[in-house]
Amino acid sequence: MSLIANVLEMRGVPTLLIGTVRDIMEQAPAPRSVFVDFPVGRTFGRPDDPQMHQTVLAAALAEFSRFTEPKQLRDLPFQWAGGDRSWEELIRQELRPRPPI
């Protein structure tokens, strides 16, 4: 996504990347990025929680004007389930290679 954002920026289109995998966001920086400490695939929160989805999006857009340098990465103040990080092991399990059938 950061590659696409960089190309769009070169063509004069401002971009903002919202992501959940900080190490990748640091390795391949976009012109402007915000990090949400949520599980992969849940960038805006739990399914069927439109209020949280809107809250995260509004917070990300509010950061847009605060960027002062290219390739900055800012943290949004959200945590999954009050800081419980048990979801990380579920993601690791999903990413482990599976034996062939």
N, C-alpha and C. Protein backbone atom coordinates (compact mmCIF):
# COMPACT_ATOMS: atom_id res chain seq x y z
N MET A 1 0.81 -1.19 0.00
CA MET A 1 0.00 0.00 0.00
C MET A 1 0.85 1.26 0.00
N SER A 2 2.00 1.21 0.70
CA SER A 2 2.82 2.41 0.77
C SER A 2 3.37 2.77 -0.61
N LEU A 3 3.65 1.78 -1.43
CA LEU A 3 4.13 2.06 -2.79
C LEU A 3 3.08 2.84 -3.58
N ILE A 4 1.85 2.40 -3.49
CA ILE A 4 0.75 3.09 -4.17
C ILE A 4 0.59 4.50 -3.63
N ALA A 5 0.66 4.64 -2.31
CA ALA A 5 0.54 5.96 -1.69
C ALA A 5 1.65 6.89 -2.18
N ASN A 6 2.87 6.37 -2.27
CA ASN A 6 3.98 7.20 -2.74
C ASN A 6 3.80 7.63 -4.19
N VAL A 7 3.31 6.74 -5.03
CA VAL A 7 3.06 7.08 -6.43
C VAL A 7 1.97 8.14 -6.53
N LEU A 8 0.90 7.97 -5.78
CA LEU A 8 -0.18 8.97 -5.79
C LEU A 8 0.32 10.33 -5.32
N GLU A 9 1.14 10.33 -4.28
CA GLU A 9 1.69 11.59 -3.77
C GLU A 9 2.54 12.28 -4.83
N MET A 10 3.33 11.52 -5.58
CA MET A 10 4.15 12.11 -6.64
C MET A 10 3.29 12.76 -7.71
N ARG A 11 2.05 12.31 -7.81
CA ARG A 11 1.12 12.89 -8.80
C ARG A 11 0.23 13.97 -8.18
N GLY A 12 0.54 14.35 -6.94
CA GLY A 12 -0.18 15.45 -6.31
C GLY A 12 -1.42 15.07 -5.52
N VAL A 13 -1.62 13.78 -5.26
CA VAL A 13 -2.78 13.33 -4.50
C VAL A 13 -2.34 13.02 -3.07
N PRO A 14 -2.79 13.79 -2.08
CA PRO A 14 -2.41 13.51 -0.69
C PRO A 14 -2.98 12.16 -0.23
N THR A 15 -2.19 11.42 0.52
CA THR A 15 -2.61 10.10 0.99
C THR A 15 -2.37 9.96 2.49
N LEU A 16 -3.08 9.01 3.09
CA LEU A 16 -2.90 8.66 4.49
C LEU A 16 -3.11 7.16 4.61
N LEU A 17 -2.09 6.44 5.05
CA LEU A 17 -2.19 5.01 5.22
C LEU A 17 -2.58 4.71 6.67
N ILE A 18 -3.56 3.84 6.86
CA ILE A 18 -3.98 3.41 8.20
C ILE A 18 -3.64 1.93 8.29
N GLY A 19 -2.79 1.56 9.24
CA GLY A 19 -2.34 0.18 9.29
C GLY A 19 -2.26 -0.40 10.68
N THR A 20 -2.09 -1.74 10.72
CA THR A 20 -2.06 -2.45 12.00
C THR A 20 -0.78 -3.25 12.19
N VAL A 21 0.16 -3.19 11.26
CA VAL A 21 1.41 -3.94 11.37
C VAL A 21 2.56 -2.94 11.37
N ARG A 22 2.93 -2.52 12.55
CA ARG A 22 3.88 -1.42 12.70
C ARG A 22 5.23 -1.71 12.04
N ASP A 23 5.77 -2.92 12.20
CA ASP A 23 7.09 -3.18 11.63
C ASP A 23 7.11 -3.04 10.11
N ILE A 24 6.06 -3.48 9.46
CA ILE A 24 5.98 -3.32 8.00
C ILE A 24 5.82 -1.85 7.65
N MET A 25 5.03 -1.14 8.41
CA MET A 25 4.82 0.29 8.15
C MET A 25 6.13 1.07 8.31
N GLU A 26 6.99 0.63 9.23
CA GLU A 26 8.28 1.28 9.42
C GLU A 26 9.26 0.92 8.31
N GLN A 27 9.21 -0.32 7.83
CA GLN A 27 10.12 -0.78 6.78
C GLN A 27 9.79 -0.19 5.41
N ALA A 28 8.51 0.01 5.15
CA ALA A 28 8.07 0.55 3.86
C ALA A 28 7.17 1.76 4.13
N PRO A 29 7.78 2.89 4.46
CA PRO A 29 6.97 4.04 4.88
C PRO A 29 6.17 4.67 3.75
N ALA A 30 4.98 5.06 4.11
CA ALA A 30 4.12 5.84 3.22
C ALA A 30 4.36 7.32 3.53
N PRO A 31 3.88 8.22 2.70
CA PRO A 31 4.06 9.65 2.98
C PRO A 31 3.50 10.06 4.34
N ARG A 32 2.35 9.51 4.70
CA ARG A 32 1.73 9.76 6.00
C ARG A 32 1.07 8.46 6.43
N SER A 33 1.33 8.05 7.69
CA SER A 33 0.75 6.80 8.19
C SER A 33 0.30 6.96 9.62
N VAL A 34 -0.78 6.27 9.95
CA VAL A 34 -1.20 6.15 11.34
C VAL A 34 -1.30 4.66 11.67
N PHE A 35 -0.82 4.33 12.87
CA PHE A 35 -0.83 2.95 13.35
C PHE A 35 -1.98 2.76 14.33
N VAL A 36 -2.73 1.68 14.14
CA VAL A 36 -3.80 1.30 15.05
C VAL A 36 -3.41 -0.05 15.64
N ASP A 37 -3.35 -0.15 16.95
CA ASP A 37 -2.92 -1.37 17.62
C ASP A 37 -4.07 -2.37 17.73
N PHE A 38 -4.53 -2.81 16.56
CA PHE A 38 -5.62 -3.77 16.45
C PHE A 38 -5.11 -4.97 15.66
N PRO A 39 -5.80 -6.11 15.72
CA PRO A 39 -5.39 -7.27 14.94
C PRO A 39 -5.42 -6.99 13.43
N VAL A 40 -4.58 -7.72 12.72
CA VAL A 40 -4.57 -7.63 11.26
C VAL A 40 -5.96 -7.93 10.74
N GLY A 41 -6.42 -7.12 9.82
CA GLY A 41 -7.75 -7.31 9.25
C GLY A 41 -8.86 -6.65 10.05
N ARG A 42 -8.50 -6.02 11.15
CA ARG A 42 -9.49 -5.34 11.99
C ARG A 42 -9.08 -3.89 12.20
N THR A 43 -8.63 -3.24 11.15
CA THR A 43 -8.07 -1.89 11.22
C THR A 43 -9.00 -0.91 11.91
N PHE A 44 -10.29 -1.06 11.72
CA PHE A 44 -11.24 -0.10 12.28
C PHE A 44 -12.00 -0.65 13.49
N GLY A 45 -11.64 -1.85 13.96
CA GLY A 45 -12.29 -2.41 15.13
C GLY A 45 -13.03 -3.70 14.82
N ARG A 46 -13.83 -4.10 15.77
CA ARG A 46 -14.58 -5.35 15.64
C ARG A 46 -15.65 -5.23 14.55
N PRO A 47 -15.96 -6.34 13.90
CA PRO A 47 -17.06 -6.32 12.94
C PRO A 47 -18.36 -5.88 13.62
N ASP A 48 -19.22 -5.27 12.88
CA ASP A 48 -20.54 -4.85 13.37
C ASP A 48 -20.46 -3.81 14.50
N ASP A 49 -19.42 -2.98 14.46
CA ASP A 49 -19.29 -1.89 15.43
C ASP A 49 -19.07 -0.58 14.67
N PRO A 50 -20.11 -0.11 13.95
CA PRO A 50 -19.92 1.07 13.11
C PRO A 50 -19.50 2.32 13.87
N GLN A 51 -19.89 2.42 15.12
CA GLN A 51 -19.48 3.60 15.89
C GLN A 51 -17.96 3.62 16.07
N MET A 52 -17.36 2.47 16.39
CA MET A 52 -15.91 2.40 16.52
C MET A 52 -15.23 2.62 15.18
N HIS A 53 -15.79 2.07 14.12
CA HIS A 53 -15.23 2.27 12.79
C HIS A 53 -15.16 3.76 12.48
N GLN A 54 -16.23 4.47 12.75
CA GLN A 54 -16.27 5.92 12.51
C GLN A 54 -15.30 6.66 13.41
N THR A 55 -15.15 6.22 14.65
CA THR A 55 -14.24 6.87 15.60
C THR A 55 -12.79 6.74 15.14
N VAL A 56 -12.41 5.55 14.71
CA VAL A 56 -11.04 5.33 14.23
C VAL A 56 -10.79 6.16 12.98
N LEU A 57 -11.72 6.13 12.04
CA LEU A 57 -11.54 6.90 10.81
C LEU A 57 -11.45 8.39 11.11
N ALA A 58 -12.31 8.90 11.97
CA ALA A 58 -12.27 10.32 12.33
C ALA A 58 -10.93 10.68 12.98
N ALA A 59 -10.43 9.81 13.86
CA ALA A 59 -9.13 10.07 14.51
C ALA A 59 -8.00 10.08 13.48
N ALA A 60 -8.05 9.15 12.54
CA ALA A 60 -7.02 9.11 11.50
C ALA A 60 -7.05 10.37 10.65
N LEU A 61 -8.23 10.77 10.24
CA LEU A 61 -8.34 11.98 9.42
C LEU A 61 -7.95 13.24 10.18
N ALA A 62 -8.20 13.26 11.49
CA ALA A 62 -7.81 14.41 12.31
C ALA A 62 -6.28 14.54 12.37
N GLU A 63 -5.57 13.43 12.25
CA GLU A 63 -4.10 13.47 12.27
C GLU A 63 -3.53 14.04 10.97
N PHE A 64 -4.30 13.99 9.91
CA PHE A 64 -3.79 14.35 8.58
C PHE A 64 -3.09 15.71 8.60
N SER A 65 -3.69 16.69 9.21
CA SER A 65 -3.12 18.05 9.19
C SER A 65 -1.96 18.21 10.17
N ARG A 66 -1.71 17.22 11.01
CA ARG A 66 -0.64 17.33 12.01
C ARG A 66 0.70 16.81 11.52
N PHE A 67 0.74 16.21 10.35
CA PHE A 67 2.00 15.72 9.81
C PHE A 67 2.85 16.91 9.39
N THR A 68 4.12 16.91 9.83
CA THR A 68 5.02 18.02 9.53
C THR A 68 6.18 17.62 8.65
N GLU A 69 6.44 16.32 8.52
CA GLU A 69 7.55 15.82 7.71
C GLU A 69 7.07 14.63 6.89
N PRO A 70 7.73 14.38 5.77
CA PRO A 70 7.38 13.20 4.97
C PRO A 70 7.70 11.90 5.72
N LYS A 71 6.93 10.89 5.43
CA LYS A 71 7.13 9.53 5.93
C LYS A 71 7.00 9.40 7.44
N GLN A 72 6.20 10.26 8.04
CA GLN A 72 5.94 10.15 9.47
C GLN A 72 4.94 9.04 9.75
N LEU A 73 5.10 8.43 10.91
CA LEU A 73 4.19 7.39 11.39
C LEU A 73 3.71 7.82 12.77
N ARG A 74 2.43 7.99 12.90
CA ARG A 74 1.84 8.43 14.17
C ARG A 74 0.96 7.33 14.73
N ASP A 75 0.88 7.25 16.05
CA ASP A 75 0.05 6.24 16.72
C ASP A 75 -1.31 6.82 17.05
N LEU A 76 -2.35 6.03 16.79
CA LEU A 76 -3.69 6.40 17.25
C LEU A 76 -3.89 5.78 18.64
N PRO A 77 -4.68 6.41 19.49
CA PRO A 77 -4.76 6.00 20.91
C PRO A 77 -5.75 4.88 21.20
N PHE A 78 -5.82 3.88 20.34
CA PHE A 78 -6.78 2.80 20.54
C PHE A 78 -6.06 1.51 20.89
N GLN A 79 -6.68 0.70 21.75
CA GLN A 79 -6.17 -0.62 22.08
C GLN A 79 -7.32 -1.62 21.98
N TRP A 80 -6.99 -2.80 21.52
CA TRP A 80 -7.97 -3.86 21.37
C TRP A 80 -8.34 -4.41 22.75
N ALA A 81 -9.60 -4.46 23.07
CA ALA A 81 -10.12 -5.07 24.30
C ALA A 81 -9.36 -4.61 25.54
N GLY A 82 -9.17 -3.31 25.66
CA GLY A 82 -8.54 -2.76 26.85
C GLY A 82 -7.09 -3.16 27.04
N GLY A 83 -6.39 -3.44 25.96
CA GLY A 83 -4.97 -3.76 26.05
C GLY A 83 -4.65 -5.24 26.02
N ASP A 84 -5.67 -6.10 26.00
CA ASP A 84 -5.43 -7.54 25.93
C ASP A 84 -4.82 -7.88 24.57
N ARG A 85 -3.67 -8.52 24.57
CA ARG A 85 -2.98 -8.82 23.32
C ARG A 85 -3.05 -10.31 22.97
N SER A 86 -4.02 -11.03 23.53
CA SER A 86 -4.14 -12.46 23.25
C SER A 86 -4.40 -12.73 21.77
N TRP A 87 -4.92 -11.77 21.06
CA TRP A 87 -5.18 -11.93 19.63
C TRP A 87 -3.90 -12.15 18.84
N GLU A 88 -2.75 -11.72 19.36
CA GLU A 88 -1.51 -11.87 18.62
C GLU A 88 -1.19 -13.34 18.34
N GLU A 89 -1.42 -14.22 19.31
CA GLU A 89 -1.15 -15.64 19.09
C GLU A 89 -2.08 -16.22 18.04
N LEU A 90 -3.32 -15.78 17.99
CA LEU A 90 -4.24 -16.25 16.95
C LEU A 90 -3.74 -15.86 15.57
N ILE A 91 -3.22 -14.66 15.44
CA ILE A 91 -2.67 -14.21 14.15
C ILE A 91 -1.45 -15.04 13.79
N ARG A 92 -0.57 -15.29 14.76
CA ARG A 92 0.61 -16.12 14.50
C ARG A 92 0.21 -17.50 14.00
N GLN A 93 -0.80 -18.08 14.62
CA GLN A 93 -1.27 -19.40 14.20
C GLN A 93 -1.79 -19.36 12.77
N GLU A 94 -2.52 -18.32 12.43
CA GLU A 94 -3.05 -18.20 11.07
C GLU A 94 -1.93 -18.07 10.04
N LEU A 95 -0.83 -17.46 10.43
CA LEU A 95 0.27 -17.20 9.50
C LEU A 95 1.25 -18.36 9.38
N ARG A 96 1.18 -19.32 10.30
CA ARG A 96 2.10 -20.45 10.23
C ARG A 96 1.80 -21.29 8.99
N PRO A 97 2.87 -21.77 8.33
CA PRO A 97 2.63 -22.64 7.16
C PRO A 97 1.90 -23.91 7.58
N ARG A 98 1.02 -24.33 6.72
CA ARG A 98 0.25 -25.56 6.99
C ARG A 98 0.87 -26.70 6.20
N PRO A 99 0.84 -27.90 6.77
CA PRO A 99 1.38 -29.04 6.01
C PRO A 99 0.52 -29.31 4.78
N PRO A 100 1.14 -29.79 3.72
CA PRO A 100 0.34 -30.10 2.51
C PRO A 100 -0.68 -31.19 2.79
N ILE A 101 -1.76 -31.14 2.06
CA ILE A 101 -2.83 -32.14 2.23
C ILE A 101 -2.54 -33.35 1.39
